[in-house]
Amino acid sequence: MINSLEDITERARGTLVELMGLEFDQVEPAHAQAHIDVQTTHLAPNNFLHAASVIALADTCCGFGALASLPEGAHSFTTIELKANFRCGTRW
């Protein structure tokens, strides 16, 4: 169960979350907010933010939000499906 930002920091130690530098601003049941201070290591070879960096941030927020929302007696969960669509081009 996640009860504080310190719990997140401890659980993230030594994982992809720590390696990517994801920082959590807020976590509570049904809500998580985090950010990445974008570094060169987060970029694709074309110098745009790598889609995997975006997915890691999104999936990690969902994960810690889910951990903060687990019902009594539950200890964990895992992502079994994830889909993302990205739109590219000069017109938005």
PDB file of N, CA and C in Angstrom:
ATOM      1  N   MET A   1       0.844  -1.175   0.000  1.00  0.00           N
ATOM      2  CA  MET A   1       0.000   0.000   0.000  1.00  0.00           C
ATOM      3  C   MET A   1       0.892   1.242   0.000  1.00  0.00           C
ATOM      4  N   ILE A   2       0.483   2.240  -0.719  1.00  0.00           N
ATOM      5  CA  ILE A   2       1.206   3.502  -0.790  1.00  0.00           C
ATOM      6  C   ILE A   2       0.484   4.514   0.095  1.00  0.00           C
ATOM      7  N   ASN A   3       1.203   5.066   1.051  1.00  0.00           N
ATOM      8  CA  ASN A   3       0.595   6.041   1.950  1.00  0.00           C
ATOM      9  C   ASN A   3       1.248   7.416   1.873  1.00  0.00           C
ATOM     10  N   SER A   4       2.403   7.503   1.195  1.00  0.00           N
ATOM     11  CA  SER A   4       3.105   8.780   1.147  1.00  0.00           C
ATOM     12  C   SER A   4       4.058   8.816  -0.041  1.00  0.00           C
ATOM     13  N   LEU A   5       4.549  10.017  -0.347  1.00  0.00           N
ATOM     14  CA  LEU A   5       5.552  10.153  -1.404  1.00  0.00           C
ATOM     15  C   LEU A   5       6.844   9.435  -1.017  1.00  0.00           C
ATOM     16  N   GLU A   6       7.119   9.331   0.266  1.00  0.00           N
ATOM     17  CA  GLU A   6       8.298   8.596   0.728  1.00  0.00           C
ATOM     18  C   GLU A   6       8.166   7.106   0.413  1.00  0.00           C
ATOM     19  N   ASP A   7       6.937   6.570   0.520  1.00  0.00           N
ATOM     20  CA  ASP A   7       6.698   5.169   0.150  1.00  0.00           C
ATOM     21  C   ASP A   7       7.027   4.935  -1.318  1.00  0.00           C
ATOM     22  N   ILE A   8       6.657   5.881  -2.170  1.00  0.00           N
ATOM     23  CA  ILE A   8       6.941   5.768  -3.601  1.00  0.00           C
ATOM     24  C   ILE A   8       8.438   5.779  -3.832  1.00  0.00           C
ATOM     25  N   THR A   9       9.125   6.723  -3.217  1.00  0.00           N
ATOM     26  CA  THR A   9      10.581   6.823  -3.374  1.00  0.00           C
ATOM     27  C   THR A   9      11.247   5.515  -2.973  1.00  0.00           C
ATOM     28  N   GLU A  10      10.810   4.938  -1.879  1.00  0.00           N
ATOM     29  CA  GLU A  10      11.390   3.677  -1.413  1.00  0.00           C
ATOM     30  C   GLU A  10      11.102   2.537  -2.390  1.00  0.00           C
ATOM     31  N   ARG A  11       9.872   2.434  -2.863  1.00  0.00           N
ATOM     32  CA  ARG A  11       9.514   1.351  -3.794  1.00  0.00           C
ATOM     33  C   ARG A  11      10.215   1.518  -5.141  1.00  0.00           C
ATOM     34  N   ALA A  12      10.499   2.760  -5.534  1.00  0.00           N
ATOM     35  CA  ALA A  12      11.105   3.031  -6.835  1.00  0.00           C
ATOM     36  C   ALA A  12      12.621   2.826  -6.842  1.00  0.00           C
ATOM     37  N   ARG A  13      13.223   2.783  -5.676  1.00  0.00           N
ATOM     38  CA  ARG A  13      14.682   2.674  -5.592  1.00  0.00           C
ATOM     39  C   ARG A  13      15.185   1.458  -6.359  1.00  0.00           C
ATOM     40  N   GLY A  14      16.128   1.707  -7.275  1.00  0.00           N
ATOM     41  CA  GLY A  14      16.742   0.624  -8.041  1.00  0.00           C
ATOM     42  C   GLY A  14      15.918   0.134  -9.214  1.00  0.00           C
ATOM     43  N   THR A  15      14.830   0.827  -9.548  1.00  0.00           N
ATOM     44  CA  THR A  15      13.967   0.402 -10.653  1.00  0.00           C
ATOM     45  C   THR A  15      14.037   1.400 -11.808  1.00  0.00           C
ATOM     46  N   LEU A  16      13.321   1.094 -12.869  1.00  0.00           N
ATOM     47  CA  LEU A  16      13.241   1.982 -14.026  1.00  0.00           C
ATOM     48  C   LEU A  16      12.746   3.368 -13.622  1.00  0.00           C
ATOM     49  N   VAL A  17      11.846   3.419 -12.667  1.00  0.00           N
ATOM     50  CA  VAL A  17      11.296   4.694 -12.187  1.00  0.00           C
ATOM     51  C   VAL A  17      12.432   5.602 -11.716  1.00  0.00           C
ATOM     52  N   GLU A  18      13.325   5.067 -10.915  1.00  0.00           N
ATOM     53  CA  GLU A  18      14.472   5.847 -10.429  1.00  0.00           C
ATOM     54  C   GLU A  18      15.444   6.152 -11.568  1.00  0.00           C
ATOM     55  N   LEU A  19      15.724   5.160 -12.406  1.00  0.00           N
ATOM     56  CA  LEU A  19      16.650   5.338 -13.517  1.00  0.00           C
ATOM     57  C   LEU A  19      16.216   6.471 -14.445  1.00  0.00           C
ATOM     58  N   MET A  20      14.914   6.562 -14.711  1.00  0.00           N
ATOM     59  CA  MET A  20      14.401   7.602 -15.607  1.00  0.00           C
ATOM     60  C   MET A  20      14.231   8.953 -14.922  1.00  0.00           C
ATOM     61  N   GLY A  21      14.344   8.988 -13.609  1.00  0.00           N
ATOM     62  CA  GLY A  21      14.217  10.240 -12.887  1.00  0.00           C
ATOM     63  C   GLY A  21      12.782  10.717 -12.723  1.00  0.00           C
ATOM     64  N   LEU A  22      11.825   9.779 -12.720  1.00  0.00           N
ATOM     65  CA  LEU A  22      10.426  10.162 -12.499  1.00  0.00           C
ATOM     66  C   LEU A  22      10.269  10.660 -11.072  1.00  0.00           C
ATOM     67  N   GLU A  23       9.628  11.803 -10.931  1.00  0.00           N
ATOM     68  CA  GLU A  23       9.418  12.394  -9.613  1.00  0.00           C
ATOM     69  C   GLU A  23       7.928  12.584  -9.385  1.00  0.00           C
ATOM     70  N   PHE A  24       7.457  12.072  -8.264  1.00  0.00           N
ATOM     71  CA  PHE A  24       6.042  12.177  -7.937  1.00  0.00           C
ATOM     72  C   PHE A  24       5.767  13.437  -7.141  1.00  0.00           C
ATOM     73  N   ASP A  25       4.706  14.111  -7.548  1.00  0.00           N
ATOM     74  CA  ASP A  25       4.266  15.331  -6.884  1.00  0.00           C
ATOM     75  C   ASP A  25       3.107  15.054  -5.939  1.00  0.00           C
ATOM     76  N   GLN A  26       2.275  14.069  -6.300  1.00  0.00           N
ATOM     77  CA  GLN A  26       1.085  13.773  -5.506  1.00  0.00           C
ATOM     78  C   GLN A  26       0.609  12.362  -5.819  1.00  0.00           C
ATOM     79  N   VAL A  27       0.225  11.639  -4.805  1.00  0.00           N
ATOM     80  CA  VAL A  27      -0.407  10.326  -4.977  1.00  0.00           C
ATOM     81  C   VAL A  27      -1.459  10.167  -3.896  1.00  0.00           C
ATOM     82  N   GLU A  28      -2.637   9.800  -4.316  1.00  0.00           N
ATOM     83  CA  GLU A  28      -3.749   9.514  -3.415  1.00  0.00           C
ATOM     84  C   GLU A  28      -4.650   8.528  -4.138  1.00  0.00           C
ATOM     85  N   PRO A  29      -5.594   7.921  -3.459  1.00  0.00           N
ATOM     86  CA  PRO A  29      -6.472   6.982  -4.154  1.00  0.00           C
ATOM     87  C   PRO A  29      -7.089   7.609  -5.411  1.00  0.00           C
ATOM     88  N   ALA A  30      -6.972   6.885  -6.507  1.00  0.00           N
ATOM     89  CA  ALA A  30      -7.519   7.271  -7.814  1.00  0.00           C
ATOM     90  C   ALA A  30      -6.832   8.478  -8.450  1.00  0.00           C
ATOM     91  N   HIS A  31      -5.659   8.868  -7.932  1.00  0.00           N
ATOM     92  CA  HIS A  31      -4.965  10.013  -8.530  1.00  0.00           C
ATOM     93  C   HIS A  31      -3.464   9.925  -8.276  1.00  0.00           C
ATOM     94  N   ALA A  32      -2.687  10.172  -9.326  1.00  0.00           N
ATOM     95  CA  ALA A  32      -1.233  10.273  -9.179  1.00  0.00           C
ATOM     96  C   ALA A  32      -0.740  11.334 -10.148  1.00  0.00           C
ATOM     97  N   GLN A  33       0.211  12.112  -9.708  1.00  0.00           N
ATOM     98  CA  GLN A  33       0.787  13.160 -10.549  1.00  0.00           C
ATOM     99  C   GLN A  33       2.303  13.106 -10.404  1.00  0.00           C
ATOM    100  N   ALA A  34       2.986  13.074 -11.544  1.00  0.00           N
ATOM    101  CA  ALA A  34       4.442  13.000 -11.540  1.00  0.00           C
ATOM    102  C   ALA A  34       4.985  13.776 -12.726  1.00  0.00           C
ATOM    103  N   HIS A  35       6.293  13.932 -12.750  1.00  0.00           N
ATOM    104  CA  HIS A  35       6.929  14.615 -13.876  1.00  0.00           C
ATOM    105  C   HIS A  35       8.328  14.038 -14.101  1.00  0.00           C
ATOM    106  N   ILE A  36       8.848  14.350 -15.268  1.00  0.00           N
ATOM    107  CA  ILE A  36      10.231  14.017 -15.618  1.00  0.00           C
ATOM    108  C   ILE A  36      10.893  15.318 -16.028  1.00  0.00           C
ATOM    109  N   ASP A  37      12.046  15.614 -15.450  1.00  0.00           N
ATOM    110  CA  ASP A  37      12.858  16.705 -15.959  1.00  0.00           C
ATOM    111  C   ASP A  37      13.606  16.116 -17.160  1.00  0.00           C
ATOM    112  N   VAL A  38      13.143  16.439 -18.361  1.00  0.00           N
ATOM    113  CA  VAL A  38      13.628  15.794 -19.582  1.00  0.00           C
ATOM    114  C   VAL A  38      15.126  16.020 -19.762  1.00  0.00           C
ATOM    115  N   GLN A  39      15.819  14.909 -19.966  1.00  0.00           N
ATOM    116  CA  GLN A  39      17.260  14.898 -20.221  1.00  0.00           C
ATOM    117  C   GLN A  39      17.508  14.288 -21.592  1.00  0.00           C
ATOM    118  N   THR A  40      18.703  14.380 -22.074  1.00  0.00           N
ATOM    119  CA  THR A  40      19.064  13.791 -23.367  1.00  0.00           C
ATOM    120  C   THR A  40      18.753  12.300 -23.404  1.00  0.00           C
ATOM    121  N   THR A  41      18.896  11.624 -22.275  1.00  0.00           N
ATOM    122  CA  THR A  41      18.635  10.185 -22.221  1.00  0.00           C
ATOM    123  C   THR A  41      17.169   9.842 -22.442  1.00  0.00           C
ATOM    124  N   HIS A  42      16.273  10.811 -22.354  1.00  0.00           N
ATOM    125  CA  HIS A  42      14.844  10.588 -22.589  1.00  0.00           C
ATOM    126  C   HIS A  42      14.463  10.794 -24.052  1.00  0.00           C
ATOM    127  N   LEU A  43      15.420  11.177 -24.881  1.00  0.00           N
ATOM    128  CA  LEU A  43      15.132  11.517 -26.268  1.00  0.00           C
ATOM    129  C   LEU A  43      15.355  10.343 -27.211  1.00  0.00           C
ATOM    130  N   ALA A  44      14.644  10.386 -28.322  1.00  0.00           N
ATOM    131  CA  ALA A  44      14.872   9.455 -29.430  1.00  0.00           C
ATOM    132  C   ALA A  44      16.034  10.008 -30.266  1.00  0.00           C
ATOM    133  N   PRO A  45      16.587   9.216 -31.173  1.00  0.00           N
ATOM    134  CA  PRO A  45      17.685   9.691 -32.010  1.00  0.00           C
ATOM    135  C   PRO A  45      17.338  10.927 -32.862  1.00  0.00           C
ATOM    136  N   ASN A  46      16.048  11.195 -33.065  1.00  0.00           N
ATOM    137  CA  ASN A  46      15.654  12.377 -33.834  1.00  0.00           C
ATOM    138  C   ASN A  46      15.535  13.626 -32.959  1.00  0.00           C
ATOM    139  N   ASN A  47      15.939  13.511 -31.697  1.00  0.00           N
ATOM    140  CA  ASN A  47      15.926  14.598 -30.712  1.00  0.00           C
ATOM    141  C   ASN A  47      14.534  15.003 -30.236  1.00  0.00           C
ATOM    142  N   PHE A  48      13.529  14.187 -30.496  1.00  0.00           N
ATOM    143  CA  PHE A  48      12.208  14.376 -29.916  1.00  0.00           C
ATOM    144  C   PHE A  48      12.116  13.487 -28.681  1.00  0.00           C
ATOM    145  N   LEU A  49      11.197  13.815 -27.791  1.00  0.00           N
ATOM    146  CA  LEU A  49      10.980  12.977 -26.623  1.00  0.00           C
ATOM    147  C   LEU A  49      10.590  11.572 -27.078  1.00  0.00           C
ATOM    148  N   HIS A  50      11.271  10.573 -26.577  1.00  0.00           N
ATOM    149  CA  HIS A  50      11.025   9.187 -26.966  1.00  0.00           C
ATOM    150  C   HIS A  50       9.663   8.751 -26.428  1.00  0.00           C
ATOM    151  N   ALA A  51       8.897   8.076 -27.264  1.00  0.00           N
ATOM    152  CA  ALA A  51       7.572   7.591 -26.855  1.00  0.00           C
ATOM    153  C   ALA A  51       7.663   6.701 -25.621  1.00  0.00           C
ATOM    154  N   ALA A  52       8.715   5.939 -25.508  1.00  0.00           N
ATOM    155  CA  ALA A  52       8.871   5.064 -24.341  1.00  0.00           C
ATOM    156  C   ALA A  52       8.993   5.874 -23.048  1.00  0.00           C
ATOM    157  N   SER A  53       9.552   7.060 -23.120  1.00  0.00           N
ATOM    158  CA  SER A  53       9.631   7.926 -21.939  1.00  0.00           C
ATOM    159  C   SER A  53       8.239   8.369 -21.505  1.00  0.00           C
ATOM    160  N   VAL A  54       7.413   8.707 -22.478  1.00  0.00           N
ATOM    161  CA  VAL A  54       6.035   9.127 -22.192  1.00  0.00           C
ATOM    162  C   VAL A  54       5.249   7.960 -21.613  1.00  0.00           C
ATOM    163  N   ILE A  55       5.399   6.793 -22.204  1.00  0.00           N
ATOM    164  CA  ILE A  55       4.696   5.601 -21.734  1.00  0.00           C
ATOM    165  C   ILE A  55       5.149   5.238 -20.321  1.00  0.00           C
ATOM    166  N   ALA A  56       6.441   5.329 -20.055  1.00  0.00           N
ATOM    167  CA  ALA A  56       6.934   5.015 -18.707  1.00  0.00           C
ATOM    168  C   ALA A  56       6.314   5.948 -17.672  1.00  0.00           C
ATOM    169  N   LEU A  57       6.219   7.226 -17.997  1.00  0.00           N
ATOM    170  CA  LEU A  57       5.605   8.177 -17.075  1.00  0.00           C
ATOM    171  C   LEU A  57       4.130   7.850 -16.862  1.00  0.00           C
ATOM    172  N   ALA A  58       3.407   7.619 -17.949  1.00  0.00           N
ATOM    173  CA  ALA A  58       1.969   7.336 -17.849  1.00  0.00           C
ATOM    174  C   ALA A  58       1.703   6.031 -17.088  1.00  0.00           C
ATOM    175  N   ASP A  59       2.421   4.968 -17.438  1.00  0.00           N
ATOM    176  CA  ASP A  59       2.189   3.678 -16.794  1.00  0.00           C
ATOM    177  C   ASP A  59       2.574   3.725 -15.320  1.00  0.00           C
ATOM    178  N   THR A  60       3.628   4.431 -14.990  1.00  0.00           N
ATOM    179  CA  THR A  60       4.059   4.535 -13.607  1.00  0.00           C
ATOM    180  C   THR A  60       3.052   5.325 -12.777  1.00  0.00           C
ATOM    181  N   CYS A  61       2.523   6.407 -13.333  1.00  0.00           N
ATOM    182  CA  CYS A  61       1.477   7.163 -12.624  1.00  0.00           C
ATOM    183  C   CYS A  61       0.259   6.277 -12.381  1.00  0.00           C
ATOM    184  N   CYS A  62      -0.160   5.566 -13.404  1.00  0.00           N
ATOM    185  CA  CYS A  62      -1.302   4.660 -13.247  1.00  0.00           C
ATOM    186  C   CYS A  62      -1.004   3.607 -12.192  1.00  0.00           C
ATOM    187  N   GLY A  63       0.200   3.080 -12.208  1.00  0.00           N
ATOM    188  CA  GLY A  63       0.580   2.044 -11.256  1.00  0.00           C
ATOM    189  C   GLY A  63       0.558   2.514  -9.823  1.00  0.00           C
ATOM    190  N   PHE A  64       1.157   3.649  -9.554  1.00  0.00           N
ATOM    191  CA  PHE A  64       1.174   4.131  -8.175  1.00  0.00           C
ATOM    192  C   PHE A  64      -0.208   4.623  -7.742  1.00  0.00           C
ATOM    193  N   GLY A  65      -0.974   5.164  -8.670  1.00  0.00           N
ATOM    194  CA  GLY A  65      -2.360   5.510  -8.349  1.00  0.00           C
ATOM    195  C   GLY A  65      -3.163   4.272  -7.991  1.00  0.00           C
ATOM    196  N   ALA A  66      -2.922   3.180  -8.732  1.00  0.00           N
ATOM    197  CA  ALA A  66      -3.603   1.918  -8.433  1.00  0.00           C
ATOM    198  C   ALA A  66      -3.160   1.359  -7.085  1.00  0.00           C
ATOM    199  N   LEU A  67      -1.858   1.407  -6.814  1.00  0.00           N
ATOM    200  CA  LEU A  67      -1.374   0.923  -5.515  1.00  0.00           C
ATOM    201  C   LEU A  67      -1.990   1.710  -4.364  1.00  0.00           C
ATOM    202  N   ALA A  68      -2.171   3.001  -4.559  1.00  0.00           N
ATOM    203  CA  ALA A  68      -2.784   3.839  -3.519  1.00  0.00           C
ATOM    204  C   ALA A  68      -4.283   3.554  -3.378  1.00  0.00           C
ATOM    205  N   SER A  69      -4.858   2.849  -4.352  1.00  0.00           N
ATOM    206  CA  SER A  69      -6.304   2.585  -4.363  1.00  0.00           C
ATOM    207  C   SER A  69      -6.664   1.140  -4.066  1.00  0.00           C
ATOM    208  N   LEU A  70      -5.684   0.306  -3.784  1.00  0.00           N
ATOM    209  CA  LEU A  70      -5.965  -1.116  -3.564  1.00  0.00           C
ATOM    210  C   LEU A  70      -6.939  -1.317  -2.404  1.00  0.00           C
ATOM    211  N   PRO A  71      -7.838  -2.272  -2.568  1.00  0.00           N
ATOM    212  CA  PRO A  71      -8.759  -2.574  -1.463  1.00  0.00           C
ATOM    213  C   PRO A  71      -8.025  -3.288  -0.327  1.00  0.00           C
ATOM    214  N   GLU A  72      -8.642  -3.294   0.823  1.00  0.00           N
ATOM    215  CA  GLU A  72      -8.091  -3.965   1.999  1.00  0.00           C
ATOM    216  C   GLU A  72      -7.719  -5.404   1.660  1.00  0.00           C
ATOM    217  N   GLY A  73      -6.519  -5.795   2.023  1.00  0.00           N
ATOM    218  CA  GLY A  73      -6.062  -7.165   1.799  1.00  0.00           C
ATOM    219  C   GLY A  73      -5.309  -7.368   0.498  1.00  0.00           C
ATOM    220  N   ALA A  74      -5.438  -6.468  -0.451  1.00  0.00           N
ATOM    221  CA  ALA A  74      -4.699  -6.585  -1.713  1.00  0.00           C
ATOM    222  C   ALA A  74      -3.299  -6.025  -1.511  1.00  0.00           C
ATOM    223  N   HIS A  75      -2.328  -6.608  -2.205  1.00  0.00           N
ATOM    224  CA  HIS A  75      -0.941  -6.194  -2.008  1.00  0.00           C
ATOM    225  C   HIS A  75      -0.288  -5.620  -3.254  1.00  0.00           C
ATOM    226  N   SER A  76      -0.765  -6.012  -4.422  1.00  0.00           N
ATOM    227  CA  SER A  76      -0.109  -5.560  -5.642  1.00  0.00           C
ATOM    228  C   SER A  76      -1.007  -5.800  -6.842  1.00  0.00           C
ATOM    229  N   PHE A  77      -0.480  -5.520  -8.013  1.00  0.00           N
ATOM    230  CA  PHE A  77      -1.173  -5.706  -9.284  1.00  0.00           C
ATOM    231  C   PHE A  77      -0.101  -5.588 -10.358  1.00  0.00           C
ATOM    232  N   THR A  78      -0.484  -5.801 -11.615  1.00  0.00           N
ATOM    233  CA  THR A  78       0.439  -5.556 -12.720  1.00  0.00           C
ATOM    234  C   THR A  78      -0.347  -5.066 -13.927  1.00  0.00           C
ATOM    235  N   THR A  79       0.313  -4.333 -14.788  1.00  0.00           N
ATOM    236  CA  THR A  79      -0.298  -3.897 -16.039  1.00  0.00           C
ATOM    237  C   THR A  79      -0.304  -5.085 -16.990  1.00  0.00           C
ATOM    238  N   ILE A  80      -1.480  -5.442 -17.504  1.00  0.00           N
ATOM    239  CA  ILE A  80      -1.540  -6.551 -18.449  1.00  0.00           C
ATOM    240  C   ILE A  80      -1.807  -6.071 -19.870  1.00  0.00           C
ATOM    241  N   GLU A  81      -2.238  -4.832 -20.005  1.00  0.00           N
ATOM    242  CA  GLU A  81      -2.464  -4.288 -21.344  1.00  0.00           C
ATOM    243  C   GLU A  81      -2.266  -2.784 -21.293  1.00  0.00           C
ATOM    244  N   LEU A  82      -1.610  -2.269 -22.313  1.00  0.00           N
ATOM    245  CA  LEU A  82      -1.368  -0.841 -22.397  1.00  0.00           C
ATOM    246  C   LEU A  82      -1.353  -0.466 -23.871  1.00  0.00           C
ATOM    247  N   LYS A  83      -2.024   0.604 -24.219  1.00  0.00           N
ATOM    248  CA  LYS A  83      -2.045   1.058 -25.596  1.00  0.00           C
ATOM    249  C   LYS A  83      -1.905   2.570 -25.611  1.00  0.00           C
ATOM    250  N   ALA A  84      -1.132   3.054 -26.563  1.00  0.00           N
ATOM    251  CA  ALA A  84      -0.964   4.499 -26.719  1.00  0.00           C
ATOM    252  C   ALA A  84      -0.969   4.836 -28.204  1.00  0.00           C
ATOM    253  N   ASN A  85      -1.576   5.940 -28.518  1.00  0.00           N
ATOM    254  CA  ASN A  85      -1.566   6.451 -29.885  1.00  0.00           C
ATOM    255  C   ASN A  85      -0.903   7.821 -29.866  1.00  0.00           C
ATOM    256  N   PHE A  86       0.015   8.027 -30.767  1.00  0.00           N
ATOM    257  CA  PHE A  86       0.694   9.305 -30.878  1.00  0.00           C
ATOM    258  C   PHE A  86       0.399   9.903 -32.242  1.00  0.00           C
ATOM    259  N   ARG A  87       0.201  11.169 -32.253  1.00  0.00           N
ATOM    260  CA  ARG A  87      -0.098  11.863 -33.505  1.00  0.00           C
ATOM    261  C   ARG A  87       1.120  12.698 -33.881  1.00  0.00           C
ATOM    262  N   CYS A  88       1.561  12.534 -35.106  1.00  0.00           N
ATOM    263  CA  CYS A  88       2.724  13.271 -35.581  1.00  0.00           C
ATOM    264  C   CYS A  88       2.323  14.178 -36.754  1.00  0.00           C
ATOM    265  N   GLY A  89       3.056  15.220 -36.905  1.00  0.00           N
ATOM    266  CA  GLY A  89       2.802  16.118 -38.022  1.00  0.00           C
ATOM    267  C   GLY A  89       2.953  17.559 -37.603  1.00  0.00           C
ATOM    268  N   THR A  90       2.813  18.431 -38.569  1.00  0.00           N
ATOM    269  CA  THR A  90       2.972  19.848 -38.275  1.00  0.00           C
ATOM    270  C   THR A  90       1.670  20.513 -37.926  1.00  0.00           C
ATOM    271  N   ARG A  91       0.547  19.857 -38.236  1.00  0.00           N
ATOM    272  CA  ARG A  91      -0.778  20.398 -37.877  1.00  0.00           C
ATOM    273  C   ARG A  91      -1.356  19.646 -36.709  1.00  0.00           C
ATOM    274  N   TRP A  92      -1.852  20.342 -35.755  1.00  0.00           N
ATOM    275  CA  TRP A  92      -2.465  19.705 -34.601  1.00  0.00           C
ATOM    276  C   TRP A  92      -3.890  20.071 -34.634  1.00  0.00           C
TER     277      TRP A  92
END
